[in-house]
Amino acid sequence: MSQSRNKRHIITLTDPRSPVSESYRALRTNIEFSSVDEQLQVLMVSSAGPGEGKTTTITNLAVTYAQSERKVVLIDADMRKPTAHHTFSLSNRWGLSSVMSQQCSIEEVTQVTDVPNLNVITSGPIPPNPAEMLGSKRMSAMIEQLRLAYDIIMIDTPPLLAVTDAQIVASRSDGVVLVVDQGKVKREIAKKAIQNLENVNARIIGVVLNNVKRKANEESYYYYYGAQDKQ
């Protein structure tokens, strides 16, 4: 199947005036207000399990940051089931795993998208040791290098309860947003995901409740910021 046929719908681009697009902009604003005195440059978005909307959330959030004239890079750190190359119709021949295995430089794998101000680093070929790559000194060095080049660095990871990858990335991020599908995930599972983040001293800046039905035919996203709201 061609990349163009695999390309995914990004509502903040196709329908920027929709209620859902406005919710993503509100999410961006709330993240900014949640950190008055501390820098939130590296943001990780994850979920407890698969299918909760974390990739959709981070993609649209990255677009809204880019639309606000920030220089943004989106990293697909889900090296087990990558999706960013499909979303933006990009090549995945080289990517994050290529940098971690010292086959390419960061500059060589950073790809320009059709969205102004938004670049993407795809996952690259699926490696046998994703967790080890994400926990390497090279990963830390890459993030520090990107801090000098971008205003916002967004990292998509595998679900928290599936593998340890997300916890590793969380420990190196300035803040973490957890996406929870209200109609799919039980409270106990969400609490376990939060506990996994707390175990690595991650800074949880908020929870996005996905698929909260407010009115007929309207899908809404709510954002709660501050660790005190997680119980």
Protein backbone atom coordinates (compact mmCIF):
# COMPACT_ATOMS: atom_id res chain seq x y z
CA MET A 1 0.00 0.00 0.00
CA SER A 2 1.33 3.41 -0.90
CA GLN A 3 2.26 5.99 1.70
CA SER A 4 -0.39 8.39 0.41
CA ARG A 5 -3.11 5.81 1.00
CA ASN A 6 -1.79 5.18 4.49
CA LYS A 7 -1.78 8.88 5.36
CA ARG A 8 -3.88 9.56 8.42
CA HIS A 9 -6.47 12.22 9.13
CA ILE A 10 -5.17 15.15 11.22
CA ILE A 11 -8.20 17.17 12.29
CA THR A 12 -6.24 20.26 13.35
CA LEU A 13 -5.18 20.54 9.71
CA THR A 14 -8.29 19.41 7.88
CA ASP A 15 -10.85 21.12 10.13
CA PRO A 16 -9.07 23.69 12.32
CA ARG A 17 -12.33 25.37 13.38
CA SER A 18 -13.95 22.20 14.71
CA PRO A 19 -14.68 21.75 18.45
CA VAL A 20 -12.09 18.98 18.63
CA SER A 21 -9.39 21.19 17.08
CA GLU A 22 -10.25 23.89 19.58
CA SER A 23 -9.86 21.31 22.35
CA TYR A 24 -6.34 20.55 21.17
CA ARG A 25 -5.51 24.25 21.24
CA ALA A 26 -6.95 24.43 24.75
CA LEU A 27 -4.74 21.49 25.70
CA ARG A 28 -1.68 23.33 24.40
CA THR A 29 -2.63 26.44 26.36
CA ASN A 30 -3.22 24.47 29.57
CA ILE A 31 0.16 22.80 29.24
CA GLU A 32 1.79 26.21 28.90
CA PHE A 33 -0.02 27.56 31.97
CA SER A 34 0.84 24.45 34.01
CA SER A 35 4.49 25.50 34.00
CA VAL A 36 5.02 29.10 35.01
CA ASP A 37 8.47 28.81 36.54
CA GLU A 38 9.80 25.59 34.96
CA GLN A 39 10.65 24.78 31.38
CA LEU A 40 8.43 22.37 29.49
CA GLN A 41 10.38 21.80 26.29
CA VAL A 42 10.47 18.00 26.06
CA LEU A 43 6.95 16.55 26.27
CA MET A 44 6.09 12.85 26.25
CA VAL A 45 2.60 11.59 25.49
CA SER A 46 1.59 8.04 26.37
CA SER A 47 -1.33 5.93 27.54
CA ALA A 48 -1.92 2.94 29.80
CA GLY A 49 -2.77 0.58 26.96
CA PRO A 50 -3.14 0.53 23.17
CA GLY A 51 -5.94 2.19 21.25
CA GLU A 52 -6.58 5.07 23.66
CA GLY A 53 -5.64 7.86 21.26
CA LYS A 54 -2.14 8.83 22.40
CA THR A 55 -0.74 9.06 18.88
CA THR A 56 -3.72 11.06 17.63
CA THR A 57 -3.33 13.38 20.61
CA ILE A 58 0.40 13.98 20.22
CA THR A 59 0.10 14.47 16.45
CA ASN A 60 -2.60 17.12 16.74
CA LEU A 61 -0.89 18.74 19.71
CA ALA A 62 2.34 18.98 17.73
CA VAL A 63 0.45 20.63 14.87
CA THR A 64 -1.13 23.20 17.20
CA TYR A 65 2.29 24.08 18.62
CA ALA A 66 3.63 24.48 15.08
CA GLN A 67 0.64 26.64 14.17
CA SER A 68 1.54 28.94 17.08
CA GLU A 69 4.88 29.66 15.40
CA ARG A 70 6.93 27.29 17.57
CA LYS A 71 9.66 25.21 16.00
CA VAL A 72 8.57 21.64 16.74
CA VAL A 73 10.03 18.18 16.26
CA LEU A 74 7.93 15.06 16.78
CA ILE A 75 9.86 11.89 17.61
CA ASP A 76 8.25 8.50 17.07
CA ALA A 77 9.85 6.56 19.92
CA ASP A 78 7.38 3.69 19.55
CA MET A 79 9.90 1.45 17.89
CA ARG A 80 7.62 -1.54 18.27
CA LYS A 81 4.52 -0.29 16.40
CA PRO A 82 5.55 2.99 14.74
CA THR A 83 2.97 5.18 13.03
CA ALA A 84 4.40 8.66 12.40
CA HIS A 85 5.68 7.77 8.93
CA HIS A 86 2.15 6.75 7.95
CA THR A 87 0.59 9.84 9.53
CA PHE A 88 2.81 12.27 7.61
CA SER A 89 3.52 10.10 4.53
CA LEU A 90 7.25 9.93 5.21
CA SER A 91 9.92 7.34 4.59
CA ASN A 92 10.83 5.11 7.53
CA ARG A 93 13.95 3.65 6.00
CA TRP A 94 16.03 5.64 8.48
CA GLY A 95 14.94 7.09 11.80
CA LEU A 96 15.45 7.06 15.56
CA SER A 97 16.81 3.52 15.65
CA SER A 98 19.32 4.48 12.95
CA VAL A 99 20.65 7.31 15.12
CA MET A 100 20.80 5.09 18.20
CA SER A 101 22.74 2.42 16.26
CA GLN A 102 25.09 5.12 14.93
CA GLN A 103 24.16 4.54 11.30
CA CYS A 104 22.93 8.11 10.76
CA SER A 105 23.14 11.55 12.31
CA ILE A 106 20.14 13.38 13.73
CA GLU A 107 20.20 15.78 10.80
CA GLU A 108 20.05 12.90 8.31
CA VAL A 109 16.90 11.37 9.83
CA THR A 110 14.99 14.60 10.56
CA GLN A 111 12.29 15.03 7.92
CA VAL A 112 10.34 18.13 6.94
CA THR A 113 6.55 17.77 6.86
CA ASP A 114 3.85 19.65 4.96
CA VAL A 115 3.09 21.50 8.20
CA PRO A 116 5.18 24.68 8.57
CA ASN A 117 7.47 24.61 11.64
CA LEU A 118 6.95 20.87 12.18
CA ASN A 119 9.66 18.26 11.56
CA VAL A 120 9.45 14.54 12.30
CA ILE A 121 11.96 11.88 13.30
CA THR A 122 10.37 8.54 12.44
CA SER A 123 11.13 5.37 14.38
CA GLY A 124 13.36 3.84 11.75
CA PRO A 125 13.71 0.07 11.28
CA ILE A 126 12.31 -1.87 14.24
CA PRO A 127 15.29 -2.93 16.40
CA PRO A 128 15.57 -5.99 18.68
CA ASN A 129 16.32 -3.83 21.73
CA PRO A 130 14.11 -0.70 21.83
CA ALA A 131 14.28 -0.24 25.62
CA GLU A 132 18.06 -0.40 25.65
CA MET A 133 18.25 2.16 22.85
CA LEU A 134 15.91 4.57 24.62
CA GLY A 135 17.87 4.19 27.85
CA SER A 136 21.24 4.79 26.22
CA LYS A 137 23.53 7.78 26.68
CA ARG A 138 23.15 8.41 22.96
CA MET A 139 19.42 8.99 23.45
CA SER A 140 20.11 11.51 26.19
CA ALA A 141 22.67 13.26 23.99
CA MET A 142 20.21 13.40 21.10
CA ILE A 143 17.54 15.05 23.25
CA GLU A 144 20.04 17.63 24.49
CA GLN A 145 21.08 18.39 20.93
CA LEU A 146 17.46 18.83 19.86
CA ARG A 147 16.85 21.21 22.76
CA LEU A 148 19.23 23.63 21.06
CA ALA A 149 17.42 23.44 17.72
CA TYR A 150 13.71 23.32 18.64
CA ASP A 151 11.25 25.12 20.88
CA ILE A 152 9.20 21.99 21.53
CA ILE A 153 10.27 18.33 21.39
CA MET A 154 7.37 15.86 21.45
CA ILE A 155 7.92 12.15 21.99
CA ASP A 156 5.40 9.41 21.22
CA THR A 157 6.00 6.14 23.09
CA PRO A 158 4.49 2.68 23.43
CA PRO A 159 1.76 2.28 26.10
CA LEU A 160 3.00 2.39 29.68
CA LEU A 161 1.72 -1.00 30.78
CA ALA A 162 2.95 -2.88 27.71
CA VAL A 163 6.73 -2.38 27.98
CA THR A 164 9.23 -0.27 29.92
CA ASP A 165 10.03 2.06 27.00
CA ALA A 166 7.65 4.83 28.08
CA GLN A 167 9.01 4.89 31.64
CA ILE A 168 12.53 5.29 30.30
CA VAL A 169 11.54 8.21 28.06
CA ALA A 170 9.44 9.77 30.83
CA SER A 171 12.48 10.01 33.08
CA ARG A 172 14.18 12.15 30.41
CA SER A 173 11.23 14.40 29.61
CA ASP A 174 10.24 17.71 31.18
CA GLY A 175 6.64 16.63 31.41
CA VAL A 176 4.30 13.75 30.62
CA VAL A 177 0.72 13.83 29.37
CA LEU A 178 -1.28 10.65 29.90
CA VAL A 179 -4.12 9.89 27.49
CA VAL A 180 -7.00 7.86 28.93
CA ASP A 181 -9.97 6.55 26.96
CA GLN A 182 -12.79 7.13 29.43
CA GLY A 183 -15.00 4.44 28.00
CA LYS A 184 -12.27 1.83 27.66
CA VAL A 185 -9.86 2.02 30.59
CA LYS A 186 -10.75 1.15 34.16
CA ARG A 187 -9.66 3.42 36.98
CA GLU A 188 -7.33 0.75 38.40
CA ILE A 189 -5.45 0.47 35.12
CA ALA A 190 -5.05 4.23 34.84
CA LYS A 191 -3.77 4.36 38.42
CA LYS A 192 -1.21 1.67 37.63
CA ALA A 193 0.03 3.66 34.64
CA ILE A 194 0.42 6.75 36.83
CA GLN A 195 2.27 4.68 39.43
CA ASN A 196 4.69 3.49 36.75
CA LEU A 197 5.43 7.12 35.92
CA GLU A 198 5.87 8.05 39.56
CA ASN A 199 8.31 5.17 40.01
CA VAL A 200 10.75 6.94 37.68
CA ASN A 201 10.03 10.39 39.16
CA ALA A 202 8.36 11.56 35.97
CA ARG A 203 6.57 14.89 36.07
CA ILE A 204 2.94 14.21 35.22
CA ILE A 205 1.53 17.49 33.97
CA GLY A 206 -1.91 16.25 33.06
CA VAL A 207 -4.38 13.65 31.89
CA VAL A 208 -6.38 13.87 28.68
CA LEU A 209 -9.74 12.13 28.87
CA ASN A 210 -10.54 10.87 25.40
CA ASN A 211 -13.99 10.02 24.05
CA VAL A 212 -15.90 12.07 26.62
CA LYS A 213 -19.35 12.52 25.09
CA ARG A 214 -20.85 15.92 25.78
CA LYS A 215 -23.37 16.30 22.98
CA ALA A 216 -24.61 14.17 20.14
CA ASN A 217 -21.99 13.70 17.43
CA GLU A 218 -19.36 15.63 19.40
CA GLU A 219 -16.16 14.01 20.64
CA SER A 220 -14.41 16.06 23.28
CA TYR A 221 -11.09 16.04 25.02
CA TYR A 222 -10.63 17.30 28.56
CA TYR A 223 -7.35 18.26 30.12
CA TYR A 224 -6.60 18.12 33.82
CA TYR A 225 -3.24 19.46 34.88
CA GLY A 226 -1.35 19.04 38.12
CA ALA A 227 -0.42 15.79 39.81
CA GLN A 228 -2.91 16.53 42.61
CA ASP A 229 -5.77 15.81 40.20
CA LYS A 230 -4.76 12.27 39.39
CA GLN A 231 -6.59 10.40 42.16
